[in-house]
């Protein structure tokens, strides 16, 4: 019984650390409005992984795993949103802005 409680405590400590691991990056990115060299594949793969792990956590009835996956997935979605919103320092912007809004296009027939 004591061993099981020890492992439960370790599990909860790990859960808190995993969940809080992306929070400093989210705060820094939001305050600076820059995502620098953060790859879009990092949060994208985490969202996909969490999408797979959430049904698995429900299937094996693991509340700890479910909470971790929901929290990490949510953090990853926010980071993905920031990468899309702020671009990557003008390089490889995900949603490029128009250079000139007054530009007209001619169609020659």
N, C-alpha and C. Protein backbone atom coordinates (compact mmCIF):
# COMPACT_ATOMS: atom_id res chain seq x y z
N UNK A 1 0.82 -1.20 0.00
CA UNK A 1 0.00 0.00 0.00
C UNK A 1 0.86 1.26 0.00
N UNK A 2 1.93 1.27 0.80
CA UNK A 2 2.81 2.42 0.87
C UNK A 2 3.52 2.62 -0.46
N UNK A 3 3.93 1.51 -1.12
CA UNK A 3 4.63 1.60 -2.40
C UNK A 3 3.69 2.18 -3.46
N UNK A 4 2.44 1.75 -3.46
CA UNK A 4 1.48 2.26 -4.44
C UNK A 4 1.28 3.76 -4.25
N UNK A 5 1.20 4.23 -3.01
CA UNK A 5 1.05 5.66 -2.75
C UNK A 5 2.29 6.43 -3.22
N UNK A 6 3.48 5.86 -3.03
CA UNK A 6 4.72 6.49 -3.48
C UNK A 6 4.70 6.67 -4.99
N UNK A 7 4.29 5.64 -5.72
CA UNK A 7 4.24 5.74 -7.18
C UNK A 7 3.13 6.68 -7.65
N UNK A 8 2.03 6.74 -6.92
CA UNK A 8 0.99 7.70 -7.26
C UNK A 8 1.50 9.13 -7.08
N UNK A 9 2.24 9.37 -6.00
CA UNK A 9 2.81 10.70 -5.77
C UNK A 9 3.80 11.04 -6.88
N UNK A 10 4.65 10.09 -7.25
CA UNK A 10 5.58 10.32 -8.36
C UNK A 10 4.82 10.63 -9.65
N UNK A 11 3.73 9.91 -9.89
CA UNK A 11 2.92 10.13 -11.08
C UNK A 11 2.32 11.53 -11.11
N UNK A 12 1.81 11.99 -9.97
CA UNK A 12 1.23 13.33 -9.91
C UNK A 12 2.29 14.41 -10.06
N UNK A 13 3.47 14.20 -9.47
CA UNK A 13 4.56 15.16 -9.65
C UNK A 13 4.95 15.24 -11.12
N UNK A 14 5.09 14.08 -11.75
CA UNK A 14 5.42 14.05 -13.18
C UNK A 14 4.35 14.73 -14.02
N UNK A 15 3.09 14.51 -13.65
CA UNK A 15 1.98 15.11 -14.38
C UNK A 15 2.06 16.63 -14.30
N UNK A 16 2.30 17.17 -13.13
CA UNK A 16 2.40 18.62 -12.96
C UNK A 16 3.58 19.17 -13.77
N UNK A 17 4.71 18.47 -13.75
CA UNK A 17 5.88 18.94 -14.49
C UNK A 17 5.66 18.90 -16.00
N UNK A 18 5.04 17.84 -16.49
CA UNK A 18 4.77 17.74 -17.93
C UNK A 18 3.78 18.82 -18.37
N UNK A 19 2.74 18.99 -17.59
CA UNK A 19 1.71 19.97 -17.94
C UNK A 19 2.30 21.39 -17.94
N UNK A 20 3.17 21.67 -16.99
CA UNK A 20 3.71 23.02 -16.87
C UNK A 20 4.93 23.25 -17.77
N UNK A 21 5.40 22.25 -18.47
CA UNK A 21 6.62 22.40 -19.27
C UNK A 21 6.48 23.37 -20.44
N UNK A 22 5.31 23.51 -21.01
CA UNK A 22 5.13 24.43 -22.15
C UNK A 22 4.70 25.83 -21.73
N UNK A 23 4.29 26.00 -20.50
CA UNK A 23 3.76 27.29 -20.06
C UNK A 23 4.80 28.42 -20.17
N UNK A 24 6.06 28.22 -19.75
CA UNK A 24 7.03 29.32 -19.92
C UNK A 24 7.20 29.74 -21.38
N UNK A 25 7.19 28.77 -22.30
CA UNK A 25 7.34 29.11 -23.72
C UNK A 25 6.12 29.88 -24.21
N UNK A 26 4.94 29.48 -23.77
CA UNK A 26 3.72 30.19 -24.18
C UNK A 26 3.75 31.64 -23.69
N UNK A 27 4.16 31.84 -22.46
CA UNK A 27 4.21 33.19 -21.89
C UNK A 27 5.24 34.04 -22.63
N UNK A 28 6.42 33.49 -22.87
CA UNK A 28 7.47 34.22 -23.57
C UNK A 28 7.04 34.58 -24.99
N UNK A 29 6.45 33.63 -25.69
CA UNK A 29 6.00 33.86 -27.06
C UNK A 29 4.90 34.91 -27.11
N UNK A 30 3.97 34.85 -26.18
CA UNK A 30 2.87 35.80 -26.17
C UNK A 30 3.36 37.21 -25.84
N UNK A 31 4.28 37.32 -24.91
CA UNK A 31 4.74 38.66 -24.52
C UNK A 31 5.63 39.29 -25.60
N UNK A 32 6.43 38.50 -26.30
CA UNK A 32 7.33 39.05 -27.32
C UNK A 32 6.71 39.07 -28.71
N UNK A 33 5.64 38.34 -28.91
CA UNK A 33 4.98 38.25 -30.22
C UNK A 33 5.93 37.73 -31.30
N UNK A 34 6.86 36.85 -30.90
CA UNK A 34 7.81 36.25 -31.82
C UNK A 34 7.93 34.77 -31.48
N UNK A 35 8.05 33.96 -32.51
CA UNK A 35 8.21 32.52 -32.28
C UNK A 35 9.58 32.02 -32.69
N UNK A 36 10.39 32.90 -33.29
CA UNK A 36 11.78 32.55 -33.59
C UNK A 36 11.94 31.25 -34.33
N UNK A 37 12.73 30.37 -33.77
CA UNK A 37 13.07 29.12 -34.43
C UNK A 37 12.23 27.94 -33.98
N UNK A 38 11.08 28.18 -33.40
CA UNK A 38 10.22 27.07 -32.99
C UNK A 38 9.63 26.44 -34.24
N UNK A 39 9.85 25.16 -34.39
CA UNK A 39 9.32 24.44 -35.55
C UNK A 39 7.82 24.24 -35.38
N UNK A 40 7.09 24.40 -36.46
CA UNK A 40 5.64 24.16 -36.42
C UNK A 40 5.34 22.68 -36.18
N UNK A 41 6.29 21.82 -36.51
CA UNK A 41 6.06 20.39 -36.35
C UNK A 41 6.07 19.95 -34.89
N UNK A 42 6.73 20.70 -34.01
CA UNK A 42 6.76 20.36 -32.59
C UNK A 42 5.35 20.35 -31.99
N UNK A 43 4.62 21.49 -32.01
CA UNK A 43 3.27 21.44 -31.44
C UNK A 43 2.30 20.62 -32.29
N UNK A 44 2.51 20.58 -33.59
CA UNK A 44 1.62 19.81 -34.46
C UNK A 44 1.69 18.32 -34.12
N UNK A 45 2.89 17.80 -33.96
CA UNK A 45 3.04 16.39 -33.60
C UNK A 45 2.51 16.11 -32.19
N UNK A 46 2.65 17.07 -31.29
CA UNK A 46 2.11 16.88 -29.95
C UNK A 46 0.59 16.83 -29.97
N UNK A 47 -0.03 17.68 -30.78
CA UNK A 47 -1.50 17.65 -30.88
C UNK A 47 -1.97 16.32 -31.46
N UNK A 48 -1.28 15.83 -32.49
CA UNK A 48 -1.64 14.54 -33.08
C UNK A 48 -1.45 13.42 -32.06
N UNK A 49 -0.32 13.45 -31.33
CA UNK A 49 -0.06 12.42 -30.32
C UNK A 49 -1.12 12.45 -29.23
N UNK A 50 -1.47 13.63 -28.77
CA UNK A 50 -2.51 13.75 -27.73
C UNK A 50 -3.86 13.27 -28.24
N UNK A 51 -4.13 13.52 -29.51
CA UNK A 51 -5.39 13.04 -30.10
C UNK A 51 -5.46 11.53 -30.11
N UNK A 52 -4.32 10.89 -30.20
CA UNK A 52 -4.29 9.42 -30.14
C UNK A 52 -4.32 8.92 -28.70
N UNK A 53 -3.66 9.65 -27.80
CA UNK A 53 -3.54 9.19 -26.43
C UNK A 53 -4.80 9.41 -25.59
N UNK A 54 -5.59 10.41 -25.92
CA UNK A 54 -6.81 10.67 -25.14
C UNK A 54 -7.78 9.49 -25.21
N UNK A 55 -8.09 8.96 -26.40
CA UNK A 55 -8.97 7.78 -26.42
C UNK A 55 -8.34 6.57 -25.69
N UNK A 56 -7.02 6.44 -25.79
CA UNK A 56 -6.34 5.34 -25.11
C UNK A 56 -6.46 5.50 -23.58
N UNK A 57 -6.29 6.72 -23.08
CA UNK A 57 -6.41 6.97 -21.65
C UNK A 57 -7.83 6.66 -21.16
N UNK A 58 -8.81 6.99 -21.98
CA UNK A 58 -10.20 6.67 -21.63
C UNK A 58 -10.40 5.16 -21.63
N UNK A 59 -9.84 4.49 -22.61
CA UNK A 59 -9.98 3.04 -22.74
C UNK A 59 -9.37 2.31 -21.54
N UNK A 60 -8.17 2.74 -21.09
CA UNK A 60 -7.54 2.05 -19.96
C UNK A 60 -7.95 2.66 -18.62
N UNK A 61 -8.83 3.64 -18.66
CA UNK A 61 -9.38 4.29 -17.46
C UNK A 61 -8.29 4.91 -16.59
N UNK A 62 -7.40 5.66 -17.23
CA UNK A 62 -6.32 6.33 -16.52
C UNK A 62 -6.60 7.83 -16.49
N UNK A 63 -7.09 8.30 -15.35
CA UNK A 63 -7.40 9.72 -15.21
C UNK A 63 -6.15 10.59 -15.29
N UNK A 64 -5.04 10.11 -14.72
CA UNK A 64 -3.79 10.88 -14.78
C UNK A 64 -3.37 11.09 -16.23
N UNK A 65 -3.36 10.04 -17.01
CA UNK A 65 -2.95 10.16 -18.41
C UNK A 65 -3.91 11.04 -19.18
N UNK A 66 -5.18 10.94 -18.89
CA UNK A 66 -6.18 11.76 -19.57
C UNK A 66 -5.94 13.25 -19.30
N UNK A 67 -5.71 13.59 -18.03
CA UNK A 67 -5.47 14.99 -17.66
C UNK A 67 -4.20 15.50 -18.33
N UNK A 68 -3.13 14.69 -18.32
CA UNK A 68 -1.88 15.09 -18.95
C UNK A 68 -2.09 15.36 -20.43
N UNK A 69 -2.75 14.45 -21.12
CA UNK A 69 -2.92 14.58 -22.56
C UNK A 69 -3.79 15.78 -22.93
N UNK A 70 -4.83 16.01 -22.17
CA UNK A 70 -5.69 17.16 -22.44
C UNK A 70 -4.91 18.46 -22.21
N UNK A 71 -4.15 18.53 -21.12
CA UNK A 71 -3.40 19.74 -20.81
C UNK A 71 -2.27 19.98 -21.82
N UNK A 72 -1.52 18.95 -22.15
CA UNK A 72 -0.43 19.11 -23.13
C UNK A 72 -1.00 19.44 -24.50
N UNK A 73 -2.09 18.79 -24.87
CA UNK A 73 -2.73 19.09 -26.15
C UNK A 73 -3.22 20.53 -26.23
N UNK A 74 -3.79 21.02 -25.13
CA UNK A 74 -4.26 22.40 -25.08
C UNK A 74 -3.09 23.37 -25.19
N UNK A 75 -2.02 23.12 -24.42
CA UNK A 75 -0.82 23.96 -24.51
C UNK A 75 -0.26 23.96 -25.92
N UNK A 76 -0.22 22.80 -26.54
CA UNK A 76 0.33 22.67 -27.89
C UNK A 76 -0.53 23.41 -28.91
N UNK A 77 -1.85 23.36 -28.72
CA UNK A 77 -2.73 24.11 -29.61
C UNK A 77 -2.49 25.61 -29.49
N UNK A 78 -2.29 26.10 -28.26
CA UNK A 78 -1.99 27.52 -28.08
C UNK A 78 -0.66 27.89 -28.74
N UNK A 79 0.36 27.03 -28.60
CA UNK A 79 1.65 27.30 -29.23
C UNK A 79 1.52 27.27 -30.75
N UNK A 80 0.76 26.33 -31.27
CA UNK A 80 0.53 26.25 -32.71
C UNK A 80 -0.17 27.51 -33.20
N UNK A 81 -1.14 27.98 -32.44
CA UNK A 81 -1.84 29.21 -32.77
C UNK A 81 -0.88 30.40 -32.79
N UNK A 82 0.03 30.45 -31.83
CA UNK A 82 1.00 31.55 -31.79
C UNK A 82 1.94 31.51 -32.99
N UNK A 83 2.37 30.32 -33.37
CA UNK A 83 3.25 30.19 -34.54
C UNK A 83 2.53 30.67 -35.79
N UNK A 84 1.27 30.33 -35.92
CA UNK A 84 0.50 30.75 -37.09
C UNK A 84 0.25 32.26 -37.05
N UNK A 85 -0.06 32.80 -35.88
CA UNK A 85 -0.36 34.24 -35.76
C UNK A 85 0.87 35.12 -35.95
N UNK A 86 1.96 34.75 -35.31
CA UNK A 86 3.12 35.62 -35.28
C UNK A 86 4.13 35.32 -36.38
N UNK A 87 3.96 34.23 -37.10
CA UNK A 87 4.94 33.86 -38.11
C UNK A 87 6.26 33.51 -37.45
N UNK A 88 7.29 33.39 -38.24
CA UNK A 88 8.59 33.03 -37.68
C UNK A 88 9.61 34.10 -38.03
N UNK A 89 9.48 35.25 -37.39
CA UNK A 89 10.39 36.39 -37.60
C UNK A 89 10.50 36.79 -39.05
N UNK A 90 9.38 36.75 -39.76
CA UNK A 90 9.39 37.17 -41.15
C UNK A 90 9.89 36.11 -42.10
N UNK A 91 10.33 34.98 -41.61
CA UNK A 91 10.82 33.90 -42.46
C UNK A 91 9.82 32.76 -42.43
N UNK A 92 9.48 32.28 -43.58
CA UNK A 92 8.59 31.14 -43.68
C UNK A 92 7.27 31.38 -42.94
N UNK A 93 6.71 32.56 -43.06
CA UNK A 93 5.44 32.83 -42.40
C UNK A 93 4.40 31.82 -42.86
N UNK A 94 3.63 31.35 -41.92
CA UNK A 94 2.60 30.37 -42.23
C UNK A 94 1.48 31.03 -43.02
N UNK A 95 1.09 32.23 -42.62
CA UNK A 95 0.05 32.97 -43.32
C UNK A 95 0.70 34.27 -43.82
N UNK A 96 1.20 34.27 -45.04
CA UNK A 96 1.89 35.47 -45.53
C UNK A 96 0.92 36.63 -45.71
N UNK A 97 1.39 37.81 -45.38
CA UNK A 97 0.58 38.99 -45.57
C UNK A 97 0.83 39.54 -46.98
N UNK A 98 -0.17 40.17 -47.52
CA UNK A 98 -0.02 40.74 -48.86
C UNK A 98 1.00 41.87 -48.82
N UNK A 99 1.82 41.96 -49.85
CA UNK A 99 2.84 42.99 -49.93
C UNK A 99 2.20 44.35 -50.16
N UNK A 100 1.28 44.40 -51.10
CA UNK A 100 0.67 45.67 -51.45
C UNK A 100 -0.82 45.43 -51.62
N UNK A 101 -1.61 46.02 -50.75
CA UNK A 101 -3.05 45.80 -50.80
C UNK A 101 -3.71 46.51 -51.98
N UNK A 102 -3.02 47.46 -52.58
CA UNK A 102 -3.58 48.22 -53.69
C UNK A 102 -3.17 47.64 -55.04
N UNK A 103 -2.49 46.53 -55.01
CA UNK A 103 -2.02 45.93 -56.27
C UNK A 103 -3.22 45.43 -57.10
N UNK A 104 -3.17 45.76 -58.36
CA UNK A 104 -4.24 45.31 -59.25
C UNK A 104 -3.67 44.27 -60.22
N UNK A 105 -4.52 43.38 -60.62
CA UNK A 105 -4.11 42.33 -61.53
C UNK A 105 -4.79 42.55 -62.89
N UNK A 106 -4.02 42.37 -63.94
CA UNK A 106 -4.57 42.51 -65.29
C UNK A 106 -4.68 41.12 -65.88
N UNK A 107 -5.79 40.89 -66.48
CA UNK A 107 -5.99 39.63 -67.19
C UNK A 107 -5.99 39.93 -68.68
N UNK A 108 -5.06 39.35 -69.40
CA UNK A 108 -5.00 39.53 -70.85
C UNK A 108 -5.68 38.35 -71.52
N UNK A 109 -6.64 38.67 -72.37
CA UNK A 109 -7.35 37.61 -73.10
C UNK A 109 -6.96 37.65 -74.55
